[in-house]
C-alpha atoms as a PDB file:
ATOM      1  CA  MET A   1     143.274 125.357 -80.502  1.00  0.00           C
ATOM      2  CA  ARG A   2     141.601 128.931 -80.705  1.00  0.00           C
ATOM      3  CA  VAL A   3     143.471 131.605 -78.630  1.00  0.00           C
ATOM      4  CA  ILE A   4     142.929 135.172 -77.969  1.00  0.00           C
ATOM      5  CA  VAL A   5     145.883 137.324 -76.658  1.00  0.00           C
ATOM      6  CA  THR A   6     144.818 140.626 -75.300  1.00  0.00           C
ATOM      7  CA  GLY A   7     147.774 143.434 -75.220  1.00  0.00           C
ATOM      8  CA  ALA A   8     149.294 141.764 -78.013  1.00  0.00           C
ATOM      9  CA  SER A   9     151.307 144.813 -78.932  1.00  0.00           C
ATOM     10  CA  GLY A  10     153.180 144.770 -75.798  1.00  0.00           C
ATOM     11  CA  VAL A  11     156.335 143.128 -74.873  1.00  0.00           C
ATOM     12  CA  LEU A  12     154.633 140.134 -73.036  1.00  0.00           C
ATOM     13  CA  GLY A  13     151.659 140.047 -75.541  1.00  0.00           C
ATOM     14  CA  SER A  14     153.596 140.175 -78.629  1.00  0.00           C
ATOM     15  CA  ALA A  15     155.736 137.322 -77.513  1.00  0.00           C
ATOM     16  CA  VAL A  16     152.625 135.289 -76.406  1.00  0.00           C
ATOM     17  CA  TYR A  17     150.799 135.846 -79.768  1.00  0.00           C
ATOM     18  CA  ALA A  18     154.024 134.841 -81.945  1.00  0.00           C
ATOM     19  CA  THR A  19     154.690 131.710 -79.788  1.00  0.00           C
ATOM     20  CA  PHE A  20     151.011 130.480 -79.993  1.00  0.00           C
ATOM     21  CA  LYS A  21     150.903 131.275 -83.719  1.00  0.00           C
ATOM     22  CA  SER A  22     154.222 129.470 -84.506  1.00  0.00           C
ATOM     23  CA  ALA A  23     152.966 126.417 -82.288  1.00  0.00           C
ATOM     24  CA  GLY A  24     150.158 126.217 -85.079  1.00  0.00           C
ATOM     25  CA  HIS A  25     147.266 127.619 -83.017  1.00  0.00           C
ATOM     26  CA  THR A  26     144.841 130.121 -84.463  1.00  0.00           C
ATOM     27  CA  VAL A  27     145.406 133.090 -82.742  1.00  0.00           C
ATOM     28  CA  LEU A  28     143.453 136.524 -82.490  1.00  0.00           C
ATOM     29  CA  GLY A  29     145.705 139.415 -81.105  1.00  0.00           C
ATOM     30  CA  LEU A  30     143.998 142.324 -79.570  1.00  0.00           C
ATOM     31  CA  ALA A  31     145.468 145.942 -79.051  1.00  0.00           C
ATOM     32  CA  HIS A  32     144.039 149.183 -78.154  1.00  0.00           C
ATOM     33  CA  SER A  33     146.616 152.023 -78.858  1.00  0.00           C
ATOM     34  CA  ARG A  34     148.889 150.105 -81.036  1.00  0.00           C
ATOM     35  CA  PRO A  35     146.928 147.994 -83.510  1.00  0.00           C
ATOM     36  CA  THR A  36     148.581 146.892 -86.693  1.00  0.00           C
ATOM     37  CA  ASP A  37     147.448 144.946 -89.775  1.00  0.00           C
ATOM     38  CA  GLU A  38     147.836 141.837 -87.804  1.00  0.00           C
ATOM     39  CA  LEU A  39     146.249 142.821 -84.500  1.00  0.00           C
ATOM     40  CA  LYS A  40     142.595 143.904 -84.128  1.00  0.00           C
ATOM     41  CA  GLN A  41     141.665 147.176 -82.525  1.00  0.00           C
ATOM     42  CA  LEU A  42     139.747 146.690 -79.300  1.00  0.00           C
ATOM     43  CA  ASP A  43     139.007 148.726 -76.080  1.00  0.00           C
ATOM     44  CA  LEU A  44     138.420 146.179 -73.564  1.00  0.00           C
ATOM     45  CA  THR A  45     136.746 148.623 -71.146  1.00  0.00           C
ATOM     46  CA  ASP A  46     133.870 148.509 -73.819  1.00  0.00           C
ATOM     47  CA  ALA A  47     131.973 145.449 -72.355  1.00  0.00           C
ATOM     48  CA  ALA A  48     129.787 145.076 -75.242  1.00  0.00           C
ATOM     49  CA  ALA A  49     132.171 145.044 -77.908  1.00  0.00           C
ATOM     50  CA  THR A  50     134.408 142.767 -76.121  1.00  0.00           C
ATOM     51  CA  GLU A  51     131.611 140.249 -75.603  1.00  0.00           C
ATOM     52  CA  ARG A  52     130.916 140.480 -79.425  1.00  0.00           C
ATOM     53  CA  VAL A  53     134.470 139.928 -80.339  1.00  0.00           C
ATOM     54  CA  PHE A  54     134.994 136.972 -77.845  1.00  0.00           C
ATOM     55  CA  SER A  55     131.606 135.377 -78.887  1.00  0.00           C
ATOM     56  CA  ASP A  56     132.381 135.478 -82.485  1.00  0.00           C
ATOM     57  CA  PHE A  57     135.826 133.941 -82.239  1.00  0.00           C
ATOM     58  CA  ASN A  58     134.932 131.589 -79.703  1.00  0.00           C
ATOM     59  CA  PRO A  59     138.319 130.785 -77.976  1.00  0.00           C
ATOM     60  CA  HIS A  60     139.527 127.870 -76.142  1.00  0.00           C
ATOM     61  CA  TRP A  61     141.874 129.978 -74.226  1.00  0.00           C
ATOM     62  CA  VAL A  62     142.552 133.565 -73.452  1.00  0.00           C
ATOM     63  CA  ILE A  63     145.836 135.019 -72.386  1.00  0.00           C
ATOM     64  CA  HIS A  64     145.091 138.541 -70.773  1.00  0.00           C
ATOM     65  CA  CYS A  65     148.317 140.414 -70.985  1.00  0.00           C
ATOM     66  CA  ALA A  66     146.750 143.945 -71.266  1.00  0.00           C
ATOM     67  CA  ALA A  67     147.123 146.034 -68.098  1.00  0.00           C
ATOM     68  CA  GLU A  68     148.402 149.377 -66.829  1.00  0.00           C
ATOM     69  CA  ARG A  69     151.787 147.995 -65.802  1.00  0.00           C
ATOM     70  CA  ARG A  70     153.428 151.352 -64.876  1.00  0.00           C
ATOM     71  CA  PRO A  71     153.502 152.021 -61.157  1.00  0.00           C
ATOM     72  CA  ASP A  72     154.127 155.736 -61.611  1.00  0.00           C
ATOM     73  CA  VAL A  73     151.161 156.110 -64.304  1.00  0.00           C
ATOM     74  CA  ALA A  74     148.718 153.924 -61.961  1.00  0.00           C
ATOM     75  CA  GLU A  75     149.509 156.402 -59.113  1.00  0.00           C
ATOM     76  CA  LYS A  76     148.522 159.328 -61.322  1.00  0.00           C
ATOM     77  CA  ASP A  77     145.407 157.972 -62.781  1.00  0.00           C
ATOM     78  CA  PRO A  78     143.917 155.433 -60.184  1.00  0.00           C
ATOM     79  CA  GLU A  79     140.402 155.196 -61.872  1.00  0.00           C
ATOM     80  CA  GLY A  80     141.979 154.371 -65.339  1.00  0.00           C
ATOM     81  CA  ALA A  81     144.402 151.842 -63.639  1.00  0.00           C
ATOM     82  CA  ARG A  82     141.462 150.283 -61.840  1.00  0.00           C
ATOM     83  CA  ARG A  83     139.216 149.985 -64.931  1.00  0.00           C
ATOM     84  CA  LEU A  84     142.013 148.207 -66.829  1.00  0.00           C
ATOM     85  CA  ASN A  85     143.476 145.998 -63.931  1.00  0.00           C
ATOM     86  CA  VAL A  86     140.339 145.255 -62.047  1.00  0.00           C
ATOM     87  CA  SER A  87     137.086 145.778 -64.099  1.00  0.00           C
ATOM     88  CA  VAL A  88     138.462 144.207 -67.479  1.00  0.00           C
ATOM     89  CA  PRO A  89     139.600 140.987 -65.865  1.00  0.00           C
ATOM     90  CA  GLU A  90     136.234 140.486 -64.192  1.00  0.00           C
ATOM     91  CA  THR A  91     134.445 141.021 -67.513  1.00  0.00           C
ATOM     92  CA  LEU A  92     136.778 138.445 -69.057  1.00  0.00           C
ATOM     93  CA  ALA A  93     136.122 136.033 -66.170  1.00  0.00           C
ATOM     94  CA  LYS A  94     132.464 136.304 -66.532  1.00  0.00           C
ATOM     95  CA  LEU A  95     132.802 135.880 -70.424  1.00  0.00           C
ATOM     96  CA  SER A  96     135.115 132.580 -69.440  1.00  0.00           C
ATOM     97  CA  LYS A  97     132.096 131.240 -67.722  1.00  0.00           C
ATOM     98  CA  ALA A  98     129.459 132.011 -70.369  1.00  0.00           C
ATOM     99  CA  LEU A  99     131.514 130.963 -73.309  1.00  0.00           C
ATOM    100  CA  LYS A 100     133.569 128.004 -71.500  1.00  0.00           C
ATOM    101  CA  PHE A 101     137.167 129.174 -72.375  1.00  0.00           C
ATOM    102  CA  LYS A 102     140.144 129.013 -69.825  1.00  0.00           C
ATOM    103  CA  LEU A 103     141.324 132.545 -69.007  1.00  0.00           C
ATOM    104  CA  VAL A 104     144.947 133.308 -67.873  1.00  0.00           C
ATOM    105  CA  TYR A 105     145.234 136.742 -65.909  1.00  0.00           C
ATOM    106  CA  ILE A 106     148.672 137.823 -65.958  1.00  0.00           C
ATOM    107  CA  SER A 107     149.611 139.208 -62.426  1.00  0.00           C
ATOM    108  CA  THR A 108     152.469 140.738 -60.567  1.00  0.00           C
ATOM    109  CA  ASP A 109     155.033 139.986 -57.807  1.00  0.00           C
ATOM    110  CA  TYR A 110     154.057 143.240 -56.798  1.00  0.00           C
ATOM    111  CA  VAL A 111     151.119 142.042 -55.038  1.00  0.00           C
ATOM    112  CA  PHE A 112     153.400 141.099 -52.109  1.00  0.00           C
ATOM    113  CA  ASP A 113     155.105 143.676 -49.936  1.00  0.00           C
ATOM    114  CA  GLY A 114     158.721 142.422 -50.316  1.00  0.00           C
ATOM    115  CA  THR A 115     159.413 141.736 -46.581  1.00  0.00           C
ATOM    116  CA  SER A 116     159.473 137.918 -46.244  1.00  0.00           C
ATOM    117  CA  PRO A 117     160.423 136.139 -49.678  1.00  0.00           C
ATOM    118  CA  PRO A 118     159.997 133.768 -51.103  1.00  0.00           C
ATOM    119  CA  TYR A 119     156.344 133.895 -51.675  1.00  0.00           C
ATOM    120  CA  THR A 120     154.298 131.014 -52.397  1.00  0.00           C
ATOM    121  CA  PRO A 121     150.875 131.024 -54.405  1.00  0.00           C
ATOM    122  CA  SER A 122     149.025 131.129 -51.062  1.00  0.00           C
ATOM    123  CA  SER A 123     151.228 133.736 -49.355  1.00  0.00           C
ATOM    124  CA  PRO A 124     148.978 136.708 -48.127  1.00  0.00           C
ATOM    125  CA  THR A 125     149.243 139.526 -50.566  1.00  0.00           C
ATOM    126  CA  ASN A 126     150.129 143.104 -49.010  1.00  0.00           C
ATOM    127  CA  PRO A 127     150.599 145.292 -51.891  1.00  0.00           C
ATOM    128  CA  LEU A 128     152.743 148.590 -51.259  1.00  0.00           C
ATOM    129  CA  ASN A 129     151.638 150.833 -54.267  1.00  0.00           C
ATOM    130  CA  LEU A 130     148.518 151.400 -56.239  1.00  0.00           C
ATOM    131  CA  TYR A 131     149.496 149.413 -59.158  1.00  0.00           C
ATOM    132  CA  GLY A 132     150.238 146.312 -56.797  1.00  0.00           C
ATOM    133  CA  GLN A 133     146.832 146.828 -55.284  1.00  0.00           C
ATOM    134  CA  THR A 134     144.809 147.078 -58.532  1.00  0.00           C
ATOM    135  CA  LYS A 135     146.582 143.776 -59.756  1.00  0.00           C
ATOM    136  CA  ARG A 136     145.681 142.085 -56.445  1.00  0.00           C
ATOM    137  CA  ASP A 137     142.079 143.272 -56.843  1.00  0.00           C
ATOM    138  CA  GLY A 138     142.038 141.971 -60.416  1.00  0.00           C
ATOM    139  CA  GLU A 139     143.096 138.604 -59.011  1.00  0.00           C
ATOM    140  CA  LEU A 140     140.416 138.773 -56.468  1.00  0.00           C
ATOM    141  CA  ALA A 141     137.835 139.779 -58.955  1.00  0.00           C
ATOM    142  CA  VAL A 142     138.895 136.909 -61.669  1.00  0.00           C
ATOM    143  CA  LEU A 143     138.749 134.242 -59.020  1.00  0.00           C
ATOM    144  CA  GLY A 144     135.503 135.553 -57.461  1.00  0.00           C
ATOM    145  CA  VAL A 145     133.616 134.664 -60.672  1.00  0.00           C
ATOM    146  CA  SER A 146     132.118 131.324 -59.751  1.00  0.00           C
ATOM    147  CA  GLY A 147     132.143 128.781 -62.585  1.00  0.00           C
ATOM    148  CA  SER A 148     134.878 130.765 -64.655  1.00  0.00           C
ATOM    149  CA  GLN A 149     137.902 128.758 -65.561  1.00  0.00           C
ATOM    150  CA  SER A 150     140.239 131.422 -64.556  1.00  0.00           C
ATOM    151  CA  ILE A 151     144.195 130.983 -63.665  1.00  0.00           C
ATOM    152  CA  VAL A 152     146.249 133.783 -62.125  1.00  0.00           C
ATOM    153  CA  LEU A 153     149.799 133.743 -63.403  1.00  0.00           C
ATOM    154  CA  ARG A 154     152.000 136.046 -61.228  1.00  0.00           C
ATOM    155  CA  VAL A 155     155.351 137.008 -62.938  1.00  0.00           C
ATOM    156  CA  PRO A 156     158.313 139.340 -61.805  1.00  0.00           C
ATOM    157  CA  VAL A 157     159.811 142.125 -63.909  1.00  0.00           C
ATOM    158  CA  LEU A 158     159.891 141.173 -67.570  1.00  0.00           C
ATOM    159  CA  TYR A 159     162.605 141.830 -70.608  1.00  0.00           C
ATOM    160  CA  GLY A 160     162.631 140.617 -73.990  1.00  0.00           C
ATOM    161  CA  PRO A 161     162.695 141.589 -77.638  1.00  0.00           C
ATOM    162  CA  ALA A 162     160.690 145.026 -77.418  1.00  0.00           C
ATOM    163  CA  PRO A 163     160.101 147.833 -80.162  1.00  0.00           C
ATOM    164  CA  LYS A 164     161.582 150.427 -77.778  1.00  0.00           C
ATOM    165  CA  ASN A 165     163.939 149.890 -74.802  1.00  0.00           C
ATOM    166  CA  SER A 166     161.593 152.243 -72.807  1.00  0.00           C
ATOM    167  CA  ASP A 167     158.860 149.560 -73.143  1.00  0.00           C
ATOM    168  CA  SER A 168     160.583 147.360 -70.487  1.00  0.00           C
ATOM    169  CA  ALA A 169     161.910 148.500 -67.134  1.00  0.00           C
ATOM    170  CA  VAL A 170     164.827 145.996 -67.843  1.00  0.00           C
ATOM    171  CA  ASN A 171     165.725 146.845 -71.538  1.00  0.00           C
ATOM    172  CA  VAL A 172     165.613 150.817 -70.696  1.00  0.00           C
ATOM    173  CA  LEU A 173     168.890 150.049 -68.549  1.00  0.00           C
ATOM    174  CA  LEU A 174     170.670 149.296 -71.861  1.00  0.00           C
ATOM    175  CA  ASP A 175     170.301 152.889 -72.683  1.00  0.00           C
ATOM    176  CA  VAL A 176     171.765 153.985 -69.440  1.00  0.00           C
ATOM    177  CA  VAL A 177     174.761 151.970 -70.157  1.00  0.00           C
ATOM    178  CA  ILE A 178     175.140 152.975 -73.650  1.00  0.00           C
ATOM    179  CA  ASP A 179     174.811 156.649 -72.675  1.00  0.00           C
ATOM    180  CA  GLN A 180     178.653 157.450 -72.340  1.00  0.00           C
ATOM    181  CA  SER A 181     177.845 161.354 -72.717  1.00  0.00           C
ATOM    182  CA  GLY A 182     179.297 162.211 -69.183  1.00  0.00           C
ATOM    183  CA  LYS A 183     175.705 162.245 -67.616  1.00  0.00           C
ATOM    184  CA  GLN A 184     175.620 160.594 -64.361  1.00  0.00           C
ATOM    185  CA  TYR A 185     172.852 158.044 -63.293  1.00  0.00           C
ATOM    186  CA  LYS A 186     171.982 157.093 -59.860  1.00  0.00           C
ATOM    187  CA  MET A 187     170.701 153.417 -59.936  1.00  0.00           C
ATOM    188  CA  ASP A 188     168.858 151.292 -57.651  1.00  0.00           C
ATOM    189  CA  HIS A 189     171.055 148.839 -55.741  1.00  0.00           C
ATOM    190  CA  TYR A 190     168.452 148.401 -52.818  1.00  0.00           C
ATOM    191  CA  ALA A 191     165.585 146.235 -54.401  1.00  0.00           C
ATOM    192  CA  THR A 192     166.346 142.676 -55.700  1.00  0.00           C
ATOM    193  CA  ARG A 193     164.461 141.789 -58.698  1.00  0.00           C
ATOM    194  CA  TYR A 194     164.293 138.496 -60.927  1.00  0.00           C
ATOM    195  CA  PRO A 195     164.158 139.601 -64.468  1.00  0.00           C
ATOM    196  CA  THR A 196     162.139 137.170 -66.528  1.00  0.00           C
ATOM    197  CA  ASN A 197     162.186 136.642 -70.432  1.00  0.00           C
ATOM    198  CA  VAL A 198     158.935 137.134 -71.985  1.00  0.00           C
ATOM    199  CA  VAL A 199     159.837 134.536 -74.655  1.00  0.00           C
ATOM    200  CA  ASP A 200     160.391 132.041 -71.769  1.00  0.00           C
ATOM    201  CA  ILE A 201     156.817 132.902 -70.310  1.00  0.00           C
ATOM    202  CA  ALA A 202     155.178 132.711 -73.826  1.00  0.00           C
ATOM    203  CA  ASP A 203     156.788 129.088 -74.386  1.00  0.00           C
ATOM    204  CA  PHE A 204     155.491 128.193 -70.819  1.00  0.00           C
ATOM    205  CA  LEU A 205     151.985 129.321 -71.643  1.00  0.00           C
ATOM    206  CA  VAL A 206     151.833 127.315 -74.854  1.00  0.00           C
ATOM    207  CA  ARG A 207     152.866 124.260 -72.840  1.00  0.00           C
ATOM    208  CA  LEU A 208     150.157 125.094 -69.948  1.00  0.00           C
ATOM    209  CA  ALA A 209     147.593 125.252 -72.738  1.00  0.00           C
ATOM    210  CA  SER A 210     148.498 121.845 -73.998  1.00  0.00           C
ATOM    211  CA  LEU A 211     148.561 120.099 -70.593  1.00  0.00           C
ATOM    212  CA  PRO A 212     146.307 116.758 -70.639  1.00  0.00           C
ATOM    213  CA  PRO A 213     143.168 117.192 -68.770  1.00  0.00           C
ATOM    214  CA  SER A 214     144.426 114.712 -66.104  1.00  0.00           C
ATOM    215  CA  ARG A 215     146.763 117.638 -64.863  1.00  0.00           C
ATOM    216  CA  VAL A 216     144.784 119.750 -62.520  1.00  0.00           C
ATOM    217  CA  VAL A 217     146.132 123.419 -62.829  1.00  0.00           C
ATOM    218  CA  PRO A 218     145.772 125.398 -59.456  1.00  0.00           C
ATOM    219  CA  PRO A 219     144.128 128.705 -59.554  1.00  0.00           C
ATOM    220  CA  ILE A 220     147.254 130.661 -58.740  1.00  0.00           C
ATOM    221  CA  LEU A 221     150.659 129.843 -60.326  1.00  0.00           C
ATOM    222  CA  HIS A 222     154.027 131.618 -60.123  1.00  0.00           C
ATOM    223  CA  TYR A 223     156.501 131.948 -62.997  1.00  0.00           C
ATOM    224  CA  SER A 224     159.971 133.383 -62.437  1.00  0.00           C
ATOM    225  CA  ALA A 225     163.322 133.304 -63.665  1.00  0.00           C
ATOM    226  CA  GLY A 226     165.627 132.196 -60.497  1.00  0.00           C
ATOM    227  CA  GLU A 227     168.585 134.760 -60.765  1.00  0.00           C
ATOM    228  CA  PRO A 228     168.576 137.773 -58.418  1.00  0.00           C
ATOM    229  CA  PHE A 229     169.771 141.096 -59.538  1.00  0.00           C
ATOM    230  CA  THR A 230     169.450 144.786 -58.527  1.00  0.00           C
ATOM    231  CA  LYS A 231     168.889 147.325 -61.419  1.00  0.00           C
ATOM    232  CA  TYR A 232     172.681 148.403 -60.684  1.00  0.00           C
ATOM    233  CA  GLU A 233     173.719 144.843 -61.213  1.00  0.00           C
ATOM    234  CA  MET A 234     171.730 144.410 -64.413  1.00  0.00           C
ATOM    235  CA  CYS A 235     173.498 147.428 -65.559  1.00  0.00           C
ATOM    236  CA  LEU A 236     176.945 145.807 -64.822  1.00  0.00           C
ATOM    237  CA  VAL A 237     175.926 142.813 -66.877  1.00  0.00           C
ATOM    238  CA  PHE A 238     175.103 144.955 -69.860  1.00  0.00           C
ATOM    239  CA  ALA A 239     178.400 147.021 -69.456  1.00  0.00           C
ATOM    240  CA  ARG A 240     180.311 143.737 -69.366  1.00  0.00           C
ATOM    241  CA  ILE A 241     178.593 142.324 -72.664  1.00  0.00           C
ATOM    242  CA  LEU A 242     178.914 145.548 -74.359  1.00  0.00           C
ATOM    243  CA  GLY A 243     182.496 146.370 -73.235  1.00  0.00           C
ATOM    244  CA  LEU A 244     181.530 149.795 -72.137  1.00  0.00           C
ATOM    245  CA  PRO A 245     182.642 151.461 -68.939  1.00  0.00           C
ATOM    246  CA  HIS A 246     180.048 152.197 -66.305  1.00  0.00           C
ATOM    247  CA  SER A 247     181.482 154.621 -63.844  1.00  0.00           C
ATOM    248  CA  HIS A 248     178.644 156.969 -64.842  1.00  0.00           C
ATOM    249  CA  ILE A 249     176.176 154.634 -63.037  1.00  0.00           C
ATOM    250  CA  VAL A 250     176.167 155.195 -59.382  1.00  0.00           C
ATOM    251  CA  PRO A 251     174.797 152.348 -57.003  1.00  0.00           C
ATOM    252  CA  GLU A 252     172.273 153.765 -54.598  1.00  0.00           C
ATOM    253  CA  ALA A 253     171.828 150.927 -51.821  1.00  0.00           C
ATOM    254  CA  ASP A 254     169.603 152.928 -49.408  1.00  0.00           C
ATOM    255  CA  PRO A 255     165.868 152.331 -49.685  1.00  0.00           C
ATOM    256  CA  PRO A 256     164.402 155.004 -52.136  1.00  0.00           C
ATOM    257  CA  LYS A 257     162.998 157.964 -50.408  1.00  0.00           C
ATOM    258  CA  ASP A 258     160.604 159.545 -52.859  1.00  0.00           C
ATOM    259  CA  GLY A 259     158.309 158.218 -55.713  1.00  0.00           C
ATOM    260  CA  THR A 260     156.228 155.296 -55.855  1.00  0.00           C
ATOM    261  CA  PRO A 261     156.940 152.809 -52.941  1.00  0.00           C
ATOM    262  CA  ARG A 262     158.323 149.632 -54.332  1.00  0.00           C
ATOM    263  CA  PRO A 263     158.857 146.299 -52.452  1.00  0.00           C
ATOM    264  CA  ARG A 264     162.561 145.002 -51.328  1.00  0.00           C
ATOM    265  CA  ASP A 265     162.336 141.642 -52.589  1.00  0.00           C
ATOM    266  CA  CYS A 266     159.463 139.682 -54.037  1.00  0.00           C
ATOM    267  CA  GLN A 267     160.979 136.436 -54.997  1.00  0.00           C
ATOM    268  CA  LEU A 268     158.150 133.877 -56.280  1.00  0.00           C
ATOM    269  CA  TYR A 269     158.196 130.436 -55.122  1.00  0.00           C
ATOM    270  CA  THR A 270     157.756 128.218 -58.180  1.00  0.00           C
ATOM    271  CA  HIS A 271     157.856 124.655 -56.938  1.00  0.00           C
ATOM    272  CA  GLU A 272     154.361 124.156 -57.645  1.00  0.00           C
ATOM    273  CA  THR A 273     154.602 125.386 -61.291  1.00  0.00           C
ATOM    274  CA  GLU A 274     157.735 122.874 -61.553  1.00  0.00           C
ATOM    275  CA  ASP A 275     155.702 119.963 -60.219  1.00  0.00           C
ATOM    276  CA  LEU A 276     152.611 120.744 -62.468  1.00  0.00           C
ATOM    277  CA  MET A 277     155.051 120.912 -65.849  1.00  0.00           C
ATOM    278  CA  GLU A 278     157.132 117.799 -64.838  1.00  0.00           C
ATOM    279  CA  GLY A 279     157.416 115.920 -68.202  1.00  0.00           C
ATOM    280  CA  TYR A 280     156.196 118.991 -70.152  1.00  0.00           C
ATOM    281  CA  GLY A 281     159.353 121.054 -70.198  1.00  0.00           C
ATOM    282  CA  GLY A 282     159.477 122.107 -66.667  1.00  0.00           C
ATOM    283  CA  LEU A 283     159.822 125.657 -65.906  1.00  0.00           C
ATOM    284  CA  GLY A 284     162.220 126.221 -68.619  1.00  0.00           C
ATOM    285  CA  TRP A 285     163.831 129.583 -68.055  1.00  0.00           C
ATOM    286  CA  THR A 286     166.842 131.238 -69.881  1.00  0.00           C
ATOM    287  CA  PRO A 287     169.914 132.685 -67.763  1.00  0.00           C
ATOM    288  CA  PHE A 288     169.919 136.444 -68.084  1.00  0.00           C
ATOM    289  CA  GLU A 289     173.398 137.177 -69.264  1.00  0.00           C
ATOM    290  CA  GLU A 290     173.198 134.130 -71.727  1.00  0.00           C
ATOM    291  CA  TRP A 291     170.115 135.664 -73.444  1.00  0.00           C
ATOM    292  CA  TRP A 292     171.177 139.203 -73.629  1.00  0.00           C
ATOM    293  CA  THR A 293     174.672 138.120 -74.926  1.00  0.00           C
ATOM    294  CA  GLU A 294     173.105 136.089 -77.799  1.00  0.00           C
ATOM    295  CA  TYR A 295     170.254 138.943 -78.358  1.00  0.00           C
ATOM    296  CA  LEU A 296     172.713 142.012 -78.583  1.00  0.00           C
ATOM    297  CA  LYS A 297     175.307 139.921 -80.802  1.00  0.00           C
ATOM    298  CA  LYS A 298     172.274 139.324 -83.369  1.00  0.00           C
ATOM    299  CA  LYS A 299     171.600 142.998 -83.198  1.00  0.00           C
ATOM    300  CA  GLN A 300     174.991 144.362 -83.886  1.00  0.00           C
END
């Protein structure tokens, strides 16, 4: 199978690229700001160049991981965020129709407002911030291209192997726990998150792409691990694994008053995905503390 992975230098994209490759598929990894010898540089906002690369490679599947994923950055550059999160996916959906490939558009739990979880794929969207709005508009753009073979995959906050801890909103909490300099950190203990491992998502996507044609894939799928944590609770897990004190981390249980508005609890309901994957590995997610214990032991 021939597969293109966009955003292949990111935390999710690099896991997806590596997992499809190790499963024996022919994979083209695309990156914009961080190309390597292995990854091809491409500016996806250049529609003509994108069409050339995609036509030449002629993929069966395209996993679109490239996005502006930082809510604070999206607020500062709305036009840039819209270009990347709405216009690019629409271009890819049109290419999906023309070149007959299946497109997976990675979306987010932030398309919901977090007031009435859990959310099914058909729950009404109501994003609270610009990032969520652009991802929701990207979903509508992709699903609005009649004749494209597009799937929206919504995922929550992600973690996993990363070049820098700051590449993930979860991994970066390790730096907070490790900083024993005496600096105090206020940590969100208000919003419930469902941290999900990029390696699990990558494995799921390989299995999804290998389903027999008799399995009808719905247009919107949810993938999420099942364990709820606030960011403060994640810090406690890291402190426990590393055997470090955490008195310098102070829980903030009140709703944040400043900064980009973020939803309280966007738990994604995954039963449709579980039903779809029955007999093909199910959802298949790794418990948070178990993965980090293993990963940090290897790194020491």
